Amino acid sequence: MKIQLLGNCTILLSSKNSQILFDPYFNNFGNLLYKRTTNVSNYYKDIKHLDAILLSHDHFDHMDIKFLSKFKDKCSIYAPKWSLKPLIFRSKPVWIGDKFVVGDFSITVVRANHICPAVGYIIKSEDLTLYFAGDTYYGKFMKDISEKYTINIAMLPITHYLPPMTMGERGALLCLRELNPRFLIPMHQDIIQRFQFANSTIAINELNDKIRSKKLSTKLIHLNNGEIFNINSNEIENKKAISTFKRLE
């Protein structure tokens, strides 16, 4: 399994035969209220084929209209019911509990707590179970997820705004306690508010120290934009976790 972070919450998952993309957003500017702190990876320009695009919700930093327009006739686009903007791309509406298969990936839609209709996704492939949370706060539903699935890799949106838009450091630690994933990949690290007083940055090193201090078994994998995390089920089972990174730019 190859996991590549292309900026913010844009994740490209590649198996032996299939490739799916989550929450594409490739604008380096942001908008009038939010800005990017790091340029996105240009790798997305080389993407020629996708088996599906999955959206967690329709906020600007999770759906790139230009990119989606390019792929709307080339692959299926999945988005939460009641989210309006994805309708222009003829997206397939999904909601909590829905299950479907895309190539090598078996996908289940799970709950997310956000300020608009939003979902997360459980992805199974190559004997691995991944959790793409999209934008969500910590919630008791995490316990339900942990009871149904053994999460190998959790991709969580760890940041903080005033007002808060996703889970912060405390919420992330609660999630890890509930989910007990083998690996954590933080997302949502390069979008901040233009008004600096409204931002509370999450230091990855400090988060990692707190994971250790709370004696959680999760290993934090910090991907910069464009980096790849390669993992297979043998590494999970043997607890060797021989992770490999590839920096593309």
Protein backbone atom coordinates (compact mmCIF):
# COMPACT_ATOMS: atom_id res chain seq x y z
CA MET A 1 0.00 0.00 0.00
CA LYS A 2 1.27 3.44 -0.92
CA ILE A 3 -0.04 6.49 0.95
CA GLN A 4 0.90 9.88 -0.45
CA LEU A 5 0.05 13.25 1.07
CA LEU A 6 -0.46 15.90 -1.62
CA GLY A 7 -1.20 18.74 0.78
CA ASN A 8 -3.80 19.56 3.45
CA CYS A 9 -6.10 16.49 3.53
CA THR A 10 -5.46 15.30 -0.03
CA ILE A 11 -4.44 11.65 0.18
CA LEU A 12 -3.62 9.39 -2.76
CA LEU A 13 -3.96 5.68 -1.99
CA SER A 14 -2.37 3.21 -4.37
CA SER A 15 -2.63 -0.55 -4.24
CA LYS A 16 -1.23 -3.04 -6.71
CA ASN A 17 -4.04 -2.49 -9.22
CA SER A 18 -6.06 0.52 -8.07
CA GLN A 19 -5.73 4.17 -7.15
CA ILE A 20 -8.17 6.42 -5.26
CA LEU A 21 -7.92 10.04 -4.17
CA PHE A 22 -9.41 11.72 -1.10
CA ASP A 23 -10.38 15.39 -0.76
CA PRO A 24 -8.38 16.93 -3.63
CA TYR A 25 -7.37 20.56 -3.16
CA PHE A 26 -4.47 22.02 -5.12
CA ASN A 27 -4.85 25.79 -4.86
CA ASN A 28 -1.79 27.43 -3.31
CA PHE A 29 -3.60 30.63 -2.37
CA GLY A 30 -6.49 29.46 -0.20
CA ASN A 31 -9.25 32.04 0.06
CA LEU A 32 -9.86 35.40 1.68
CA LEU A 33 -9.98 33.91 5.17
CA TYR A 34 -7.58 30.98 4.98
CA LYS A 35 -4.11 30.65 3.49
CA ARG A 36 -1.69 27.84 2.76
CA THR A 37 1.60 27.73 4.57
CA THR A 38 3.23 25.26 2.17
CA ASN A 39 2.83 24.79 -1.56
CA VAL A 40 1.07 21.63 -2.66
CA SER A 41 2.96 18.81 -4.33
CA ASN A 42 3.03 19.19 -8.12
CA TYR A 43 2.70 15.44 -8.42
CA TYR A 44 -1.06 15.81 -8.88
CA LYS A 45 -0.41 17.24 -12.36
CA ASP A 46 0.89 13.82 -13.42
CA ILE A 47 -2.18 11.89 -12.29
CA LYS A 48 -3.72 10.42 -15.43
CA HIS A 49 -5.95 7.71 -14.00
CA LEU A 50 -8.04 7.33 -10.87
CA ASP A 51 -10.51 4.62 -10.02
CA ALA A 52 -12.48 6.97 -7.76
CA ILE A 53 -12.41 10.28 -5.92
CA LEU A 54 -13.90 10.39 -2.43
CA LEU A 55 -14.96 13.63 -0.76
CA SER A 56 -15.52 13.91 2.98
CA HIS A 57 -17.48 17.19 2.64
CA ASP A 58 -17.71 20.18 0.32
CA HIS A 59 -15.62 22.87 2.01
CA PHE A 60 -13.26 24.70 -0.34
CA ASP A 61 -10.08 23.09 1.01
CA HIS A 62 -11.39 19.58 0.40
CA MET A 63 -12.62 19.83 -3.16
CA ASP A 64 -10.69 21.35 -6.03
CA ILE A 65 -13.28 22.33 -8.61
CA LYS A 66 -10.83 22.50 -11.52
CA PHE A 67 -9.39 19.07 -10.73
CA LEU A 68 -12.80 17.48 -10.20
CA SER A 69 -14.02 18.92 -13.50
CA LYS A 70 -11.12 17.19 -15.21
CA PHE A 71 -12.04 13.78 -13.76
CA LYS A 72 -15.83 13.90 -13.57
CA ASP A 73 -16.20 11.82 -16.74
CA LYS A 74 -13.21 9.59 -16.04
CA CYS A 75 -14.02 8.08 -12.65
CA SER A 76 -16.71 7.91 -9.98
CA ILE A 77 -16.86 10.76 -7.47
CA TYR A 78 -18.38 9.99 -4.07
CA ALA A 79 -19.64 12.69 -1.71
CA PRO A 80 -21.93 12.91 1.34
CA LYS A 81 -25.65 13.23 0.80
CA TRP A 82 -26.94 16.78 1.23
CA SER A 83 -23.61 18.32 0.21
CA LEU A 84 -24.48 20.66 -2.63
CA LYS A 85 -21.36 21.57 -4.59
CA PRO A 86 -20.43 17.98 -5.55
CA LEU A 87 -23.73 17.68 -7.41
CA ILE A 88 -22.27 19.64 -10.31
CA PHE A 89 -19.80 16.79 -10.82
CA ARG A 90 -22.60 14.19 -10.83
CA SER A 91 -21.21 12.71 -7.65
CA LYS A 92 -22.59 9.53 -6.13
CA PRO A 93 -24.22 10.35 -2.79
CA VAL A 94 -23.11 8.25 0.20
CA TRP A 95 -23.94 8.28 3.89
CA ILE A 96 -23.06 6.54 7.12
CA GLY A 97 -23.16 2.77 6.81
CA ASP A 98 -22.92 2.64 3.03
CA LYS A 99 -20.46 0.10 1.62
CA PHE A 100 -18.99 -0.16 -1.85
CA VAL A 101 -15.97 -1.54 -3.69
CA VAL A 102 -13.57 0.37 -5.91
CA GLY A 103 -10.97 -1.87 -7.51
CA ASP A 104 -8.83 -3.36 -4.75
CA PHE A 105 -10.49 -1.19 -2.08
CA SER A 106 -13.49 -2.12 0.08
CA ILE A 107 -14.91 1.09 1.53
CA THR A 108 -17.35 1.76 4.38
CA VAL A 109 -18.75 5.22 5.09
CA VAL A 110 -18.55 6.24 8.76
CA ARG A 111 -19.65 9.20 10.80
CA ALA A 112 -17.87 12.54 11.08
CA ASN A 113 -18.75 15.50 13.31
CA HIS A 114 -18.38 18.73 11.36
CA ILE A 115 -20.30 21.95 10.72
CA CYS A 116 -21.70 20.67 7.42
CA PRO A 117 -22.74 17.24 6.07
CA ALA A 118 -19.54 15.20 6.35
CA VAL A 119 -18.37 11.62 6.51
CA GLY A 120 -15.23 9.59 7.06
CA TYR A 121 -14.16 6.41 5.30
CA ILE A 122 -12.86 3.02 6.40
CA ILE A 123 -10.76 1.49 3.64
CA LYS A 124 -9.69 -2.14 3.47
CA SER A 125 -7.12 -3.41 1.01
CA GLU A 126 -4.12 -5.74 1.01
CA ASP A 127 -5.04 -6.97 4.53
CA LEU A 128 -4.77 -3.43 5.89
CA THR A 129 -7.50 -1.27 7.42
CA LEU A 130 -7.22 2.49 7.08
CA TYR A 131 -9.35 5.27 8.51
CA PHE A 132 -9.63 8.55 6.59
CA ALA A 133 -11.42 10.88 8.98
CA GLY A 134 -11.89 13.88 6.71
CA ASP A 135 -12.70 16.90 8.89
CA THR A 136 -14.11 15.85 12.23
CA TYR A 137 -14.05 16.53 15.92
CA TYR A 138 -13.47 13.78 18.42
CA GLY A 139 -16.72 12.04 19.27
CA LYS A 140 -18.06 8.96 21.01
CA PHE A 141 -18.58 7.40 17.59
CA MET A 142 -14.82 6.74 17.56
CA LYS A 143 -15.44 4.00 20.12
CA ASP A 144 -17.97 2.40 17.77
CA ILE A 145 -15.41 2.47 14.98
CA SER A 146 -12.79 0.87 17.23
CA GLU A 147 -15.20 -1.92 18.19
CA LYS A 148 -15.93 -2.76 14.56
CA TYR A 149 -12.49 -2.33 13.03
CA THR A 150 -8.86 -2.87 13.90
CA ILE A 151 -7.36 0.30 12.50
CA ASN A 152 -3.84 -0.06 11.16
CA ILE A 153 -3.46 3.50 9.88
CA ALA A 154 -5.48 6.53 10.99
CA MET A 155 -5.38 9.75 8.95
CA LEU A 156 -6.68 12.49 11.26
CA PRO A 157 -7.18 16.26 10.76
CA ILE A 158 -5.15 17.72 13.62
CA THR A 159 -5.31 21.49 13.76
CA HIS A 160 -7.12 24.23 15.63
CA TYR A 161 -8.95 27.40 14.69
CA LEU A 162 -11.07 29.88 16.59
CA PRO A 163 -13.77 28.75 16.30
CA PRO A 164 -12.41 25.19 16.09
CA MET A 165 -13.11 23.47 12.78
CA THR A 166 -11.55 20.05 13.43
CA MET A 167 -10.06 18.16 16.32
CA GLY A 168 -7.09 19.71 18.06
CA GLU A 169 -4.29 18.04 19.94
CA ARG A 170 -6.51 16.96 22.85
CA GLY A 171 -9.11 15.50 20.48
CA ALA A 172 -6.43 13.67 18.53
CA LEU A 173 -5.09 12.04 21.69
CA LEU A 174 -8.60 10.93 22.63
CA CYS A 175 -9.05 9.48 19.14
CA LEU A 176 -5.80 7.56 19.41
CA ARG A 177 -6.81 6.20 22.80
CA GLU A 178 -10.09 4.92 21.33
CA LEU A 179 -8.85 3.72 17.94
CA ASN A 180 -5.40 2.46 18.97
CA PRO A 181 -4.05 2.53 15.39
CA ARG A 182 -0.59 1.23 14.60
CA PHE A 183 0.20 4.46 12.73
CA LEU A 184 -1.07 8.02 12.74
CA ILE A 185 -0.73 10.31 9.72
CA PRO A 186 -1.68 13.90 10.66
CA MET A 187 -3.55 15.92 8.04
CA HIS A 188 -4.77 19.52 7.73
CA GLN A 189 -1.37 20.92 8.67
CA ASP A 190 -0.90 23.58 5.98
CA ILE A 191 -4.12 25.62 6.06
CA ILE A 192 -4.32 28.43 8.63
CA GLN A 193 -6.45 31.52 9.11
CA ARG A 194 -5.08 34.75 7.72
CA PHE A 195 -5.82 36.41 11.08
CA GLN A 196 -2.95 35.06 13.13
CA PHE A 197 -4.61 35.61 16.52
CA ALA A 198 -7.19 32.98 15.57
CA ASN A 199 -4.63 30.21 15.03
CA SER A 200 -3.24 27.78 17.54
CA THR A 201 -0.55 25.70 15.86
CA ILE A 202 -0.08 22.03 16.59
CA ALA A 203 3.61 21.13 16.86
CA ILE A 204 4.17 17.62 15.53
CA ASN A 205 7.14 17.01 17.81
CA GLU A 206 5.11 17.99 20.86
CA LEU A 207 2.23 15.78 19.77
CA ASN A 208 4.60 12.87 19.35
CA ASP A 209 5.99 13.46 22.86
CA LYS A 210 2.47 13.42 24.30
CA ILE A 211 1.66 10.18 22.47
CA ARG A 212 4.68 8.65 24.17
CA SER A 213 3.96 10.17 27.57
CA LYS A 214 0.45 8.70 27.51
CA LYS A 215 2.01 5.34 26.62
CA LEU A 216 -0.03 4.98 23.46
CA SER A 217 1.25 2.36 21.03
CA THR A 218 0.68 4.50 17.93
CA LYS A 219 3.64 5.58 15.83
CA LEU A 220 3.33 9.06 14.30
CA ILE A 221 4.24 9.34 10.62
CA HIS A 222 4.73 12.97 9.60
CA LEU A 223 4.46 13.36 5.83
CA ASN A 224 5.46 16.58 4.14
CA ASN A 225 3.62 17.46 0.95
CA GLY A 226 4.56 14.98 -1.77
CA GLU A 227 6.00 12.34 0.54
CA ILE A 228 4.98 8.70 0.33
CA PHE A 229 4.52 6.16 3.11
CA ASN A 230 4.85 2.56 1.93
CA ILE A 231 3.52 -0.14 4.21
CA ASN A 232 2.39 -3.75 3.95
CA SER A 233 0.47 -6.06 6.22
CA ASN A 234 3.54 -8.12 7.13
CA GLU A 235 5.13 -5.08 8.72
CA ILE A 236 1.97 -4.52 10.76
CA GLU A 237 1.73 -8.12 11.88
CA ASN A 238 5.42 -8.42 12.70
CA LYS A 239 5.38 -4.99 14.40
CA LYS A 240 8.57 -4.11 12.58
CA ALA A 241 6.95 -1.13 10.90
CA ILE A 242 9.70 -0.71 8.35
CA SER A 243 8.24 2.40 6.77
CA THR A 244 9.76 3.87 3.64
CA PHE A 245 9.45 7.43 2.46
CA LYS A 246 9.96 8.85 -0.97
CA ARG A 247 10.23 12.59 -1.41
CA LEU A 248 9.09 13.56 -4.90
CA GLU A 249 10.12 17.20 -4.84
